Amino acid sequence: MVEKSLQGGVRIPTLRGENYDTVVGSEKALRFLLDEVGADRVVLGSDWPFVENSFVLEQQDNLLRMPHFSGERFAAMERGNAIGMFRRFARAVPAGG
């Protein structure tokens, strides 16, 4: 974890130094996570293969309908951030595949 200094020199841990996925349980929790760590630290996640593929697709559609998760932010969480973490897979998995 990364630490942040507060007034008076007190240091507290922050969530910023870690990576997270979107399996957090609610839109409110996901908004909090994105506000705290930034979209560049979050990847699209699911409990697949432990849940049905249709559920994973439904969750993906739900995120796309939320204005603050769509567009470039969603593209980063869906693929871009993971490619940044696992560069050796960048060519192995084409976009959209």
Protein backbone atom coordinates (compact mmCIF):
# COMPACT_ATOMS: atom_id res chain seq x y z
CA MET A 1 0.00 0.00 0.00
CA VAL A 2 1.01 3.56 -0.61
CA GLU A 3 1.02 5.90 2.35
CA LYS A 4 -0.28 9.43 2.43
CA SER A 5 0.86 12.13 4.84
CA LEU A 6 -1.75 14.10 6.71
CA GLN A 7 -1.35 17.40 8.47
CA GLY A 8 1.05 16.95 11.36
CA GLY A 9 3.10 14.28 9.59
CA VAL A 10 0.74 11.40 10.36
CA ARG A 11 1.01 8.77 7.66
CA ILE A 12 -1.95 6.58 6.74
CA PRO A 13 -2.16 3.79 4.16
CA THR A 14 -4.13 4.49 1.00
CA LEU A 15 -5.69 2.12 -1.49
CA ARG A 16 -3.92 3.73 -4.46
CA GLY A 17 -0.95 1.35 -4.71
CA GLU A 18 -3.05 -1.76 -5.41
CA ASN A 19 -5.12 -3.04 -8.33
CA TYR A 20 -8.81 -3.92 -8.04
CA ASP A 21 -11.63 -5.43 -10.06
CA THR A 22 -15.22 -4.36 -10.58
CA VAL A 23 -16.70 -7.19 -8.48
CA VAL A 24 -17.62 -4.98 -5.53
CA GLY A 25 -21.35 -5.53 -5.14
CA SER A 26 -22.93 -2.18 -5.93
CA GLU A 27 -22.67 0.89 -8.09
CA LYS A 28 -22.08 3.01 -4.97
CA ALA A 29 -19.14 0.83 -3.91
CA LEU A 30 -17.65 0.94 -7.40
CA ARG A 31 -17.98 4.73 -7.56
CA PHE A 32 -16.21 4.95 -4.18
CA LEU A 33 -13.42 2.67 -5.41
CA LEU A 34 -12.92 4.71 -8.58
CA ASP A 35 -12.92 7.96 -6.59
CA GLU A 36 -10.33 6.57 -4.17
CA VAL A 37 -7.91 4.81 -6.52
CA GLY A 38 -8.75 6.06 -10.03
CA ALA A 39 -10.03 4.11 -13.01
CA ASP A 40 -6.47 3.25 -14.05
CA ARG A 41 -6.20 0.86 -11.04
CA VAL A 42 -9.43 -1.06 -11.76
CA VAL A 43 -10.08 -3.93 -14.20
CA LEU A 44 -13.32 -5.54 -15.27
CA GLY A 45 -13.84 -8.58 -13.10
CA SER A 46 -16.31 -11.38 -12.74
CA ASP A 47 -16.67 -14.59 -10.83
CA TRP A 48 -16.54 -16.57 -14.08
CA PRO A 49 -16.32 -19.59 -14.38
CA PHE A 50 -18.21 -19.88 -11.09
CA VAL A 51 -21.16 -17.90 -12.43
CA GLU A 52 -23.01 -18.26 -15.72
CA ASN A 53 -21.57 -16.39 -18.70
CA SER A 54 -24.95 -14.67 -19.14
CA PHE A 55 -24.53 -13.12 -15.67
CA VAL A 56 -21.08 -11.80 -16.59
CA LEU A 57 -22.49 -10.24 -19.78
CA GLU A 58 -25.39 -8.73 -17.82
CA GLN A 59 -22.97 -7.10 -15.37
CA GLN A 60 -20.93 -5.74 -18.26
CA ASP A 61 -24.06 -4.27 -19.82
CA ASN A 62 -25.03 -2.72 -16.48
CA LEU A 63 -21.66 -0.96 -16.27
CA LEU A 64 -22.01 0.37 -19.80
CA ARG A 65 -25.38 1.91 -18.94
CA MET A 66 -23.87 3.89 -16.06
CA PRO A 67 -22.60 7.19 -17.49
CA HIS A 68 -19.57 7.41 -15.20
CA PHE A 69 -18.35 3.92 -16.22
CA SER A 70 -18.84 4.09 -19.99
CA GLY A 71 -16.63 5.26 -22.84
CA GLU A 72 -12.88 5.44 -22.35
CA ARG A 73 -13.15 4.61 -18.67
CA PHE A 74 -14.94 1.34 -19.46
CA ALA A 75 -12.48 0.51 -22.25
CA ALA A 76 -9.61 0.94 -19.79
CA MET A 77 -11.27 -1.25 -17.16
CA GLU A 78 -12.30 -3.85 -19.75
CA ARG A 79 -8.90 -4.30 -21.40
CA GLY A 80 -6.43 -1.43 -21.26
CA ASN A 81 -5.56 -1.61 -17.57
CA ALA A 82 -5.07 -5.39 -17.68
CA ILE A 83 -2.77 -5.05 -20.69
CA GLY A 84 -0.77 -2.52 -18.69
CA MET A 85 -0.41 -5.00 -15.84
CA PHE A 86 0.25 -8.05 -18.04
CA ARG A 87 2.07 -6.70 -21.08
CA ARG A 88 3.13 -10.12 -22.34
CA PHE A 89 -0.51 -10.89 -23.14
CA ALA A 90 -1.11 -7.72 -25.18
CA ARG A 91 -0.66 -9.44 -28.54
CA ALA A 92 -2.14 -12.78 -27.45
CA VAL A 93 -5.66 -11.41 -26.89
CA PRO A 94 -6.86 -9.04 -29.62
CA ALA A 95 -9.24 -6.23 -28.69
CA GLY A 96 -12.81 -7.48 -28.74
CA GLY A 97 -11.66 -11.10 -28.54
